[in-house]
N, C-alpha and C. Protein backbone atom coordinates (compact mmCIF):
# COMPACT_ATOMS: atom_id res chain seq x y z
N UNK A 1 -13.33 -9.53 16.48
CA UNK A 1 -13.80 -10.42 15.58
C UNK A 1 -12.90 -10.54 14.47
N UNK A 2 -12.44 -11.87 14.10
CA UNK A 2 -11.56 -12.21 13.19
C UNK A 2 -11.80 -13.55 12.53
N UNK A 3 -11.31 -13.76 11.28
CA UNK A 3 -11.55 -14.95 10.57
C UNK A 3 -10.36 -15.87 10.59
N UNK A 4 -9.23 -15.26 10.96
CA UNK A 4 -7.90 -15.97 10.93
C UNK A 4 -6.92 -15.26 11.84
N UNK A 5 -5.85 -15.91 12.15
CA UNK A 5 -4.88 -15.22 12.98
C UNK A 5 -4.01 -14.38 12.15
N UNK A 6 -3.57 -13.26 12.64
CA UNK A 6 -2.68 -12.34 11.93
C UNK A 6 -1.75 -11.70 13.06
N UNK A 7 -0.56 -12.16 13.04
CA UNK A 7 0.44 -11.73 14.13
C UNK A 7 0.92 -10.37 13.94
N UNK A 8 1.48 -9.69 14.97
CA UNK A 8 2.15 -8.44 14.76
C UNK A 8 3.37 -8.52 13.91
N UNK A 9 3.98 -9.59 13.99
CA UNK A 9 5.17 -9.76 13.01
C UNK A 9 4.73 -9.80 11.62
N UNK A 10 3.65 -10.44 11.28
CA UNK A 10 3.07 -10.56 10.01
C UNK A 10 2.59 -9.14 9.49
N UNK A 11 2.04 -8.43 10.45
CA UNK A 11 1.58 -7.04 10.20
C UNK A 11 2.77 -6.10 9.78
N UNK A 12 3.74 -6.35 10.57
CA UNK A 12 5.03 -5.53 10.30
C UNK A 12 5.58 -5.82 8.85
N UNK A 13 5.55 -7.15 8.45
CA UNK A 13 5.92 -7.43 7.09
C UNK A 13 5.07 -6.78 6.05
N UNK A 14 3.66 -6.81 6.25
CA UNK A 14 2.80 -6.11 5.36
C UNK A 14 3.10 -4.56 5.44
N UNK A 15 3.28 -4.05 6.58
CA UNK A 15 3.47 -2.55 6.65
C UNK A 15 4.72 -2.25 5.97
N UNK A 16 5.78 -3.06 6.04
CA UNK A 16 7.06 -2.80 5.42
C UNK A 16 6.90 -2.69 3.90
N UNK A 17 6.09 -3.68 3.29
CA UNK A 17 5.93 -3.80 1.89
C UNK A 17 5.06 -2.51 1.45
N UNK A 18 4.01 -2.11 2.27
CA UNK A 18 3.31 -0.90 1.86
C UNK A 18 4.24 0.31 2.00
N UNK A 19 4.95 0.44 3.09
CA UNK A 19 5.77 1.60 3.26
C UNK A 19 6.93 1.68 2.21
N UNK A 20 7.42 0.65 1.77
CA UNK A 20 8.36 0.72 0.65
C UNK A 20 7.76 1.27 -0.61
N UNK A 21 6.59 0.75 -0.92
CA UNK A 21 5.78 1.28 -2.07
C UNK A 21 5.43 2.73 -1.92
N UNK A 22 5.08 3.14 -0.80
CA UNK A 22 4.68 4.54 -0.60
C UNK A 22 5.94 5.43 -0.65
N UNK A 23 7.03 5.00 -0.04
CA UNK A 23 8.23 5.77 -0.04
C UNK A 23 8.76 6.03 -1.42
N UNK A 24 8.66 4.99 -2.20
CA UNK A 24 9.24 5.12 -3.62
C UNK A 24 8.52 6.13 -4.34
N UNK A 25 7.25 6.54 -4.14
CA UNK A 25 6.56 7.63 -4.84
C UNK A 25 6.35 8.88 -4.00
N UNK A 26 6.84 8.94 -2.76
CA UNK A 26 6.70 10.11 -2.00
C UNK A 26 7.28 11.36 -2.66
N UNK A 27 8.40 11.27 -3.37
CA UNK A 27 8.94 12.39 -4.07
C UNK A 27 7.96 12.97 -5.15
N UNK A 28 7.06 12.17 -5.67
CA UNK A 28 6.06 12.72 -6.58
C UNK A 28 5.20 13.74 -6.00
N UNK A 29 4.68 13.38 -4.67
CA UNK A 29 3.83 14.33 -3.93
C UNK A 29 4.61 15.47 -3.60
N UNK A 30 5.88 15.30 -3.10
CA UNK A 30 6.65 16.40 -2.46
C UNK A 30 7.03 17.39 -3.58
N UNK A 31 7.20 16.93 -4.74
CA UNK A 31 7.44 17.90 -5.95
C UNK A 31 6.30 18.80 -6.31
N UNK A 32 5.11 18.18 -6.13
CA UNK A 32 3.82 18.96 -6.41
C UNK A 32 3.52 19.82 -5.24
N UNK A 33 3.79 19.30 -4.05
CA UNK A 33 3.40 20.03 -2.72
C UNK A 33 4.51 20.08 -1.76
N UNK A 34 5.54 20.75 -1.99
CA UNK A 34 6.76 20.77 -1.17
C UNK A 34 6.52 21.23 0.24
N UNK A 35 5.50 21.94 0.55
CA UNK A 35 5.22 22.42 1.86
C UNK A 35 4.23 21.63 2.65
N UNK A 36 3.85 20.45 2.18
CA UNK A 36 2.79 19.64 2.85
C UNK A 36 3.54 18.47 3.40
N UNK A 37 3.78 18.40 4.79
CA UNK A 37 4.41 17.18 5.30
C UNK A 37 3.70 15.93 5.65
N UNK A 38 2.37 16.04 5.46
CA UNK A 38 1.48 14.93 5.94
C UNK A 38 1.90 13.61 5.37
N UNK A 39 2.03 13.42 4.09
CA UNK A 39 2.34 12.03 3.51
C UNK A 39 3.78 11.53 4.05
N UNK A 40 4.69 12.42 4.24
CA UNK A 40 5.99 11.95 4.79
C UNK A 40 5.77 11.61 6.21
N UNK A 41 4.91 12.26 6.92
CA UNK A 41 4.69 11.87 8.40
C UNK A 41 4.08 10.44 8.50
N UNK A 42 3.16 10.24 7.56
CA UNK A 42 2.48 9.01 7.54
C UNK A 42 3.45 7.80 7.22
N UNK A 43 4.28 7.97 6.21
CA UNK A 43 5.39 7.00 5.90
C UNK A 43 6.22 6.79 7.13
N UNK A 44 6.59 7.93 7.78
CA UNK A 44 7.48 7.78 9.02
C UNK A 44 6.70 7.02 10.11
N UNK A 45 5.48 7.23 10.33
CA UNK A 45 4.76 6.50 11.29
C UNK A 45 4.56 5.05 10.91
N UNK A 46 4.57 4.64 9.62
CA UNK A 46 4.59 3.30 9.23
C UNK A 46 5.95 2.68 9.46
N UNK A 47 7.00 3.39 9.30
CA UNK A 47 8.41 2.78 9.58
C UNK A 47 8.55 2.69 11.07
N UNK A 48 7.95 3.52 11.88
CA UNK A 48 8.11 3.33 13.34
C UNK A 48 7.45 2.00 13.78
N UNK A 49 6.29 1.64 13.20
CA UNK A 49 5.67 0.53 13.43
C UNK A 49 6.49 -0.78 13.00
N UNK A 50 6.89 -0.64 11.73
CA UNK A 50 7.69 -1.67 11.08
C UNK A 50 8.94 -1.93 11.96
N UNK A 51 9.56 -0.91 12.51
CA UNK A 51 10.80 -1.12 13.22
C UNK A 51 10.55 -1.49 14.80
N UNK A 52 9.31 -1.92 15.07
CA UNK A 52 9.07 -2.43 16.36
C UNK A 52 8.22 -1.67 17.35
N UNK A 53 7.92 -0.42 17.04
CA UNK A 53 7.03 0.44 17.94
C UNK A 53 5.60 -0.24 17.87
N UNK A 54 4.94 -0.01 18.98
CA UNK A 54 3.53 -0.54 19.02
C UNK A 54 2.65 0.23 18.08
N UNK A 55 1.54 -0.41 17.73
CA UNK A 55 0.49 0.44 16.92
C UNK A 55 -0.07 1.39 17.81
N UNK A 56 -0.17 2.67 17.43
CA UNK A 56 -0.70 3.66 18.27
C UNK A 56 -1.62 4.70 17.40
N UNK A 57 -2.08 5.66 18.13
CA UNK A 57 -2.87 6.63 17.40
C UNK A 57 -2.05 7.34 16.31
N UNK A 58 -0.67 7.36 16.43
CA UNK A 58 0.17 8.05 15.41
C UNK A 58 -0.11 7.49 14.07
N UNK A 59 -0.22 6.15 13.94
CA UNK A 59 -0.42 5.53 12.65
C UNK A 59 -1.89 5.97 12.09
N UNK A 60 -2.80 5.93 12.99
CA UNK A 60 -4.21 6.24 12.49
C UNK A 60 -4.29 7.64 12.14
N UNK A 61 -3.80 8.60 12.88
CA UNK A 61 -3.91 9.98 12.58
C UNK A 61 -3.08 10.43 11.47
N UNK A 62 -1.88 9.93 11.31
CA UNK A 62 -1.07 10.33 10.11
C UNK A 62 -1.68 9.75 8.85
N UNK A 63 -2.26 8.57 8.99
CA UNK A 63 -2.95 7.93 7.73
C UNK A 63 -4.11 8.88 7.30
N UNK A 64 -4.95 9.26 8.22
CA UNK A 64 -5.96 10.19 7.95
C UNK A 64 -5.53 11.53 7.34
N UNK A 65 -4.51 12.08 7.76
CA UNK A 65 -3.90 13.29 7.38
C UNK A 65 -3.34 13.12 5.97
N UNK A 66 -2.70 11.96 5.71
CA UNK A 66 -2.15 11.69 4.31
C UNK A 66 -3.34 11.58 3.35
N UNK A 67 -4.40 10.92 3.77
CA UNK A 67 -5.50 10.76 2.84
C UNK A 67 -6.29 12.10 2.63
N UNK A 68 -6.15 12.96 3.61
CA UNK A 68 -6.68 14.46 3.36
C UNK A 68 -5.82 15.04 2.40
N UNK A 69 -4.48 14.92 2.46
CA UNK A 69 -3.57 15.56 1.54
C UNK A 69 -3.86 15.02 0.13
N UNK A 70 -4.21 13.72 0.07
CA UNK A 70 -4.51 13.10 -1.35
C UNK A 70 -5.68 13.85 -1.88
N UNK A 71 -6.80 14.04 -1.07
CA UNK A 71 -7.92 14.72 -1.60
C UNK A 71 -7.72 16.19 -1.96
N UNK A 72 -6.68 16.83 -1.42
CA UNK A 72 -6.35 18.19 -1.71
C UNK A 72 -5.18 18.23 -2.86
N UNK A 73 -4.63 17.22 -3.21
CA UNK A 73 -3.54 17.19 -4.26
C UNK A 73 -4.08 17.78 -5.52
N UNK A 74 -3.12 18.39 -6.20
CA UNK A 74 -3.55 19.18 -7.54
C UNK A 74 -3.27 18.25 -8.74
N UNK A 75 -2.67 17.16 -8.61
CA UNK A 75 -2.47 16.23 -9.73
C UNK A 75 -2.77 14.84 -9.45
N UNK A 76 -3.03 14.05 -10.41
CA UNK A 76 -3.40 12.62 -10.23
C UNK A 76 -2.32 11.92 -9.53
N UNK A 77 -0.95 12.07 -10.05
CA UNK A 77 0.14 11.41 -9.43
C UNK A 77 0.49 11.85 -7.99
N UNK A 78 0.21 13.09 -7.77
CA UNK A 78 0.31 13.55 -6.31
C UNK A 78 -0.72 12.83 -5.46
N UNK A 79 -1.92 12.85 -5.94
CA UNK A 79 -3.01 12.22 -5.20
C UNK A 79 -2.76 10.72 -4.91
N UNK A 80 -2.27 10.09 -5.92
CA UNK A 80 -1.96 8.62 -5.69
C UNK A 80 -0.77 8.41 -4.75
N UNK A 81 0.21 9.31 -4.75
CA UNK A 81 1.34 9.14 -3.86
C UNK A 81 0.95 9.50 -2.49
N UNK A 82 0.10 10.47 -2.28
CA UNK A 82 -0.34 10.83 -0.81
C UNK A 82 -1.25 9.66 -0.38
N UNK A 83 -2.05 9.01 -1.11
CA UNK A 83 -2.93 8.00 -0.73
C UNK A 83 -2.03 6.78 -0.36
N UNK A 84 -0.98 6.55 -1.09
CA UNK A 84 -0.02 5.46 -0.81
C UNK A 84 0.48 5.63 0.59
N UNK A 85 0.93 6.80 0.88
CA UNK A 85 1.43 7.20 2.29
C UNK A 85 0.41 6.96 3.36
N UNK A 86 -0.79 7.28 3.11
CA UNK A 86 -1.85 7.01 4.06
C UNK A 86 -2.09 5.56 4.24
N UNK A 87 -1.97 4.77 3.17
CA UNK A 87 -2.09 3.33 3.24
C UNK A 87 -0.97 2.75 4.10
N UNK A 88 0.21 3.24 3.89
CA UNK A 88 1.31 2.80 4.56
C UNK A 88 1.21 2.87 6.12
N UNK A 89 0.69 3.96 6.62
CA UNK A 89 0.52 4.12 8.07
C UNK A 89 -0.64 3.33 8.47
N UNK A 90 -1.73 3.14 7.63
CA UNK A 90 -2.89 2.32 8.00
C UNK A 90 -2.66 0.80 8.06
N UNK A 91 -1.59 0.37 7.42
CA UNK A 91 -1.30 -1.05 7.23
C UNK A 91 -1.12 -1.67 8.58
N UNK A 92 -0.69 -0.93 9.58
CA UNK A 92 -0.55 -1.50 10.91
C UNK A 92 -1.85 -2.05 11.48
N UNK A 93 -3.01 -1.60 10.89
CA UNK A 93 -4.35 -1.93 11.33
C UNK A 93 -5.12 -2.87 10.39
N UNK A 94 -4.41 -3.62 9.54
CA UNK A 94 -5.01 -4.52 8.67
C UNK A 94 -5.88 -5.37 9.44
N UNK A 95 -7.14 -5.71 9.00
CA UNK A 95 -8.03 -6.52 9.76
C UNK A 95 -8.02 -7.99 9.27
N UNK A 96 -7.96 -8.99 10.22
CA UNK A 96 -7.96 -10.36 9.77
C UNK A 96 -9.38 -10.83 9.49
N UNK A 97 -9.96 -10.22 8.55
CA UNK A 97 -11.36 -10.46 8.12
C UNK A 97 -11.28 -10.93 6.66
N UNK A 98 -11.87 -12.10 6.39
CA UNK A 98 -11.81 -12.59 4.92
C UNK A 98 -12.74 -11.88 4.05
N UNK A 99 -12.32 -10.57 3.72
CA UNK A 99 -13.04 -9.82 2.78
C UNK A 99 -12.09 -9.32 1.70
N UNK A 100 -12.48 -9.46 0.52
CA UNK A 100 -11.64 -9.07 -0.65
C UNK A 100 -11.18 -7.51 -0.58
N UNK A 101 -12.03 -6.71 0.01
CA UNK A 101 -11.63 -5.36 0.14
C UNK A 101 -10.31 -5.15 0.99
N UNK A 102 -10.10 -6.04 1.95
CA UNK A 102 -8.85 -5.93 2.73
C UNK A 102 -7.56 -6.03 1.91
N UNK A 103 -7.67 -6.72 0.76
CA UNK A 103 -6.52 -6.87 -0.13
C UNK A 103 -5.99 -5.41 -0.55
N UNK A 104 -6.81 -4.48 -0.65
CA UNK A 104 -6.38 -3.13 -0.97
C UNK A 104 -5.43 -2.55 0.08
N UNK A 105 -5.54 -2.89 1.40
CA UNK A 105 -4.64 -2.50 2.39
C UNK A 105 -3.22 -3.04 2.24
N UNK A 106 -3.12 -4.11 1.57
CA UNK A 106 -1.87 -4.85 1.32
C UNK A 106 -1.25 -4.36 0.01
N UNK A 107 -2.08 -4.21 -1.09
CA UNK A 107 -1.58 -3.96 -2.43
C UNK A 107 -1.84 -2.67 -3.07
N UNK A 108 -2.69 -1.82 -2.54
CA UNK A 108 -3.16 -0.68 -3.25
C UNK A 108 -1.92 0.33 -3.44
N UNK A 109 -1.02 0.43 -2.44
CA UNK A 109 0.12 1.38 -2.56
C UNK A 109 1.04 0.93 -3.71
N UNK A 110 1.27 -0.38 -3.81
CA UNK A 110 2.09 -0.92 -4.86
C UNK A 110 1.38 -0.71 -6.25
N UNK A 111 0.09 -0.98 -6.31
CA UNK A 111 -0.67 -0.67 -7.51
C UNK A 111 -0.69 0.85 -7.82
N UNK A 112 -0.76 1.69 -6.88
CA UNK A 112 -0.69 3.13 -7.06
C UNK A 112 0.64 3.52 -7.67
N UNK A 113 1.68 2.91 -7.09
CA UNK A 113 3.03 3.28 -7.65
C UNK A 113 3.14 2.75 -9.03
N UNK A 114 2.53 1.68 -9.47
CA UNK A 114 2.50 1.19 -10.89
C UNK A 114 1.74 2.19 -11.69
N UNK A 115 0.59 2.68 -11.10
CA UNK A 115 -0.20 3.65 -11.93
C UNK A 115 0.59 4.97 -12.15
N UNK A 116 1.32 5.39 -11.14
CA UNK A 116 2.17 6.57 -11.30
C UNK A 116 3.16 6.29 -12.49
N UNK A 117 3.79 5.13 -12.41
CA UNK A 117 4.76 4.73 -13.49
C UNK A 117 4.10 4.85 -14.80
N UNK A 118 2.93 4.19 -14.84
CA UNK A 118 2.16 4.27 -16.10
C UNK A 118 1.92 5.73 -16.67
N UNK A 119 1.51 6.54 -15.70
CA UNK A 119 1.17 7.96 -16.13
C UNK A 119 2.43 8.72 -16.47
N UNK A 120 3.49 8.35 -15.89
CA UNK A 120 4.80 9.06 -16.20
C UNK A 120 5.59 8.49 -17.36
N UNK A 121 5.53 7.18 -17.61
CA UNK A 121 6.34 6.49 -18.58
C UNK A 121 5.61 5.70 -19.48
N UNK A 122 4.28 5.46 -19.21
CA UNK A 122 3.57 4.52 -20.11
C UNK A 122 3.66 3.04 -19.74
N UNK A 123 4.46 2.70 -18.76
CA UNK A 123 4.75 1.28 -18.48
C UNK A 123 4.49 0.91 -16.97
N UNK A 124 3.29 0.32 -16.77
CA UNK A 124 2.88 -0.09 -15.45
C UNK A 124 3.46 -1.57 -15.18
N UNK A 125 3.62 -2.34 -16.33
CA UNK A 125 4.01 -3.71 -16.17
C UNK A 125 5.35 -4.05 -15.43
N UNK A 126 6.31 -3.15 -15.77
CA UNK A 126 7.66 -3.34 -15.01
C UNK A 126 7.40 -3.00 -13.57
N UNK A 127 6.63 -2.00 -13.14
CA UNK A 127 6.36 -1.65 -11.74
C UNK A 127 5.67 -2.76 -11.06
N UNK A 128 4.65 -3.46 -11.81
CA UNK A 128 3.93 -4.65 -11.19
C UNK A 128 4.88 -5.85 -10.98
N UNK A 129 5.81 -5.97 -12.01
CA UNK A 129 6.72 -7.16 -11.75
C UNK A 129 7.72 -6.82 -10.64
N UNK A 130 8.15 -5.60 -10.54
CA UNK A 130 9.04 -5.27 -9.45
C UNK A 130 8.40 -5.42 -8.07
N UNK A 131 7.05 -5.05 -7.99
CA UNK A 131 6.36 -5.27 -6.82
C UNK A 131 6.18 -6.75 -6.48
N UNK A 132 5.92 -7.46 -7.47
CA UNK A 132 5.80 -8.90 -7.33
C UNK A 132 7.08 -9.47 -6.74
N UNK A 133 8.22 -9.17 -7.34
CA UNK A 133 9.42 -9.73 -6.93
C UNK A 133 9.88 -9.21 -5.51
N UNK A 134 9.47 -8.09 -5.10
CA UNK A 134 9.75 -7.59 -3.81
C UNK A 134 8.95 -8.10 -2.65
N UNK A 135 7.86 -8.78 -3.05
CA UNK A 135 6.92 -9.29 -1.97
C UNK A 135 7.67 -10.61 -1.31
N UNK A 136 7.76 -10.57 -0.06
CA UNK A 136 8.38 -11.70 0.70
C UNK A 136 7.36 -12.78 0.87
N UNK A 137 7.78 -13.97 1.15
CA UNK A 137 6.90 -15.11 1.26
C UNK A 137 5.87 -14.84 2.38
N UNK A 138 6.18 -14.22 3.48
CA UNK A 138 5.27 -13.92 4.57
C UNK A 138 4.10 -13.09 3.99
N UNK A 139 4.40 -12.08 3.20
CA UNK A 139 3.41 -11.16 2.67
C UNK A 139 2.41 -12.06 1.78
N UNK A 140 2.96 -12.87 0.98
CA UNK A 140 2.10 -13.65 0.05
C UNK A 140 1.29 -14.66 0.89
N UNK A 141 1.90 -15.18 1.92
CA UNK A 141 1.09 -16.02 2.89
C UNK A 141 -0.08 -15.28 3.50
N UNK A 142 0.14 -14.05 3.93
CA UNK A 142 -0.90 -13.27 4.50
C UNK A 142 -1.99 -12.86 3.45
N UNK A 143 -1.48 -12.53 2.27
CA UNK A 143 -2.38 -12.26 1.14
C UNK A 143 -3.34 -13.46 0.85
N UNK A 144 -2.73 -14.66 0.96
CA UNK A 144 -3.50 -15.84 0.59
C UNK A 144 -4.66 -16.15 1.57
N UNK A 145 -4.65 -15.59 2.62
CA UNK A 145 -5.70 -15.76 3.67
C UNK A 145 -7.00 -14.91 3.30
N UNK A 146 -6.82 -13.97 2.41
CA UNK A 146 -7.89 -13.17 1.86
C UNK A 146 -8.38 -13.66 0.52
N UNK A 147 -9.75 -13.37 0.22
CA UNK A 147 -10.13 -13.63 -1.07
C UNK A 147 -9.38 -12.76 -2.07
N UNK A 148 -9.38 -13.11 -3.43
CA UNK A 148 -8.71 -12.29 -4.42
C UNK A 148 -9.23 -10.89 -4.39
N UNK A 149 -8.38 -9.91 -4.84
CA UNK A 149 -8.75 -8.54 -4.97
C UNK A 149 -10.08 -8.55 -5.87
N UNK A 150 -10.91 -7.62 -5.44
CA UNK A 150 -12.25 -7.45 -6.21
C UNK A 150 -11.94 -6.93 -7.59
N UNK A 151 -12.79 -7.30 -8.54
CA UNK A 151 -12.69 -6.80 -9.94
C UNK A 151 -12.95 -5.35 -9.89
N UNK A 152 -12.18 -4.59 -10.79
CA UNK A 152 -12.38 -3.12 -10.81
C UNK A 152 -12.27 -2.62 -12.17
N UNK A 153 -12.80 -1.51 -12.43
CA UNK A 153 -12.63 -0.77 -13.74
C UNK A 153 -11.78 0.38 -13.47
N UNK A 154 -11.28 0.67 -12.31
CA UNK A 154 -10.36 1.78 -12.20
C UNK A 154 -8.96 1.33 -12.57
N UNK A 155 -8.15 2.26 -13.05
CA UNK A 155 -6.79 1.82 -13.41
C UNK A 155 -6.02 1.22 -12.16
N UNK A 156 -6.03 1.90 -11.01
CA UNK A 156 -5.40 1.27 -9.84
C UNK A 156 -6.03 -0.03 -9.45
N UNK A 157 -7.35 -0.17 -9.49
CA UNK A 157 -7.95 -1.39 -9.13
C UNK A 157 -7.61 -2.51 -10.07
N UNK A 158 -7.50 -2.19 -11.29
CA UNK A 158 -7.09 -3.20 -12.33
C UNK A 158 -5.56 -3.68 -12.07
N UNK A 159 -4.77 -2.66 -11.82
CA UNK A 159 -3.31 -3.07 -11.48
C UNK A 159 -3.25 -3.84 -10.14
N UNK A 160 -4.12 -3.47 -9.25
CA UNK A 160 -4.06 -4.27 -7.94
C UNK A 160 -4.47 -5.64 -8.21
N UNK A 161 -5.45 -5.87 -9.02
CA UNK A 161 -5.94 -7.22 -9.35
C UNK A 161 -4.87 -8.05 -10.07
N UNK A 162 -4.17 -7.32 -10.97
CA UNK A 162 -2.99 -8.00 -11.71
C UNK A 162 -1.86 -8.44 -10.68
N UNK A 163 -1.62 -7.53 -9.86
CA UNK A 163 -0.54 -7.82 -8.91
C UNK A 163 -0.99 -8.97 -7.94
N UNK A 164 -2.25 -8.86 -7.49
CA UNK A 164 -2.72 -9.92 -6.61
C UNK A 164 -2.66 -11.28 -7.31
N UNK A 165 -3.12 -11.34 -8.59
CA UNK A 165 -3.06 -12.63 -9.31
C UNK A 165 -1.70 -13.05 -9.55
N UNK A 166 -0.77 -12.21 -9.86
CA UNK A 166 0.70 -12.64 -10.00
C UNK A 166 1.21 -13.22 -8.68
N UNK A 167 1.01 -12.59 -7.56
CA UNK A 167 1.49 -13.12 -6.32
C UNK A 167 0.95 -14.32 -5.93
N UNK A 168 -0.32 -14.55 -6.13
CA UNK A 168 -1.00 -15.94 -5.88
C UNK A 168 -0.62 -16.98 -6.87
N UNK A 169 -0.35 -16.61 -8.08
CA UNK A 169 0.16 -17.54 -9.06
C UNK A 169 1.56 -18.04 -8.68
N UNK A 170 2.37 -17.16 -8.31
CA UNK A 170 3.79 -17.59 -7.96
C UNK A 170 3.80 -18.34 -6.71
N UNK A 171 2.79 -18.17 -5.83
CA UNK A 171 2.81 -18.89 -4.43
C UNK A 171 2.41 -20.28 -4.80
N UNK A 172 1.57 -20.48 -5.81
CA UNK A 172 1.07 -21.78 -6.08
C UNK A 172 2.11 -22.71 -6.73
N UNK A 173 3.24 -22.16 -7.10
CA UNK A 173 4.16 -22.96 -7.80
C UNK A 173 5.04 -23.74 -6.81
């Protein structure tokens, strides 16, 4: 069941964007939990898909493992980083269903990276702007098939909404 077409090539572009976001904050998790390989394995599984491997159980299982690592993390930044890694592996399975919640599978890792930046330096805006600039046209085209990100009161949700709005605004120009 789908509301629109979403090709494997488009999924790979989305997965690349999410994997880049997750990989950028992976050291935050590994500093806090150096003996936990689950988030790195999830990012690795994402890159396998991005590089042309088929979607397999590897992406699903490593995503779940990274999300478990996030729940067990001892700091907020480590939790966000591990969740981003799980999102990277799961991006291979983005659903072509016109639901605003699906936007999280595209943008939550970048928003989490911005939240980590905010917690560490007090500046999320620069990270959101960098994520906006890094988004290729194909990603913005895929994003535009979904409704806007849902309103949120959480810091990551608010950053995700800001990034979503910035990407859509730029594509309208």
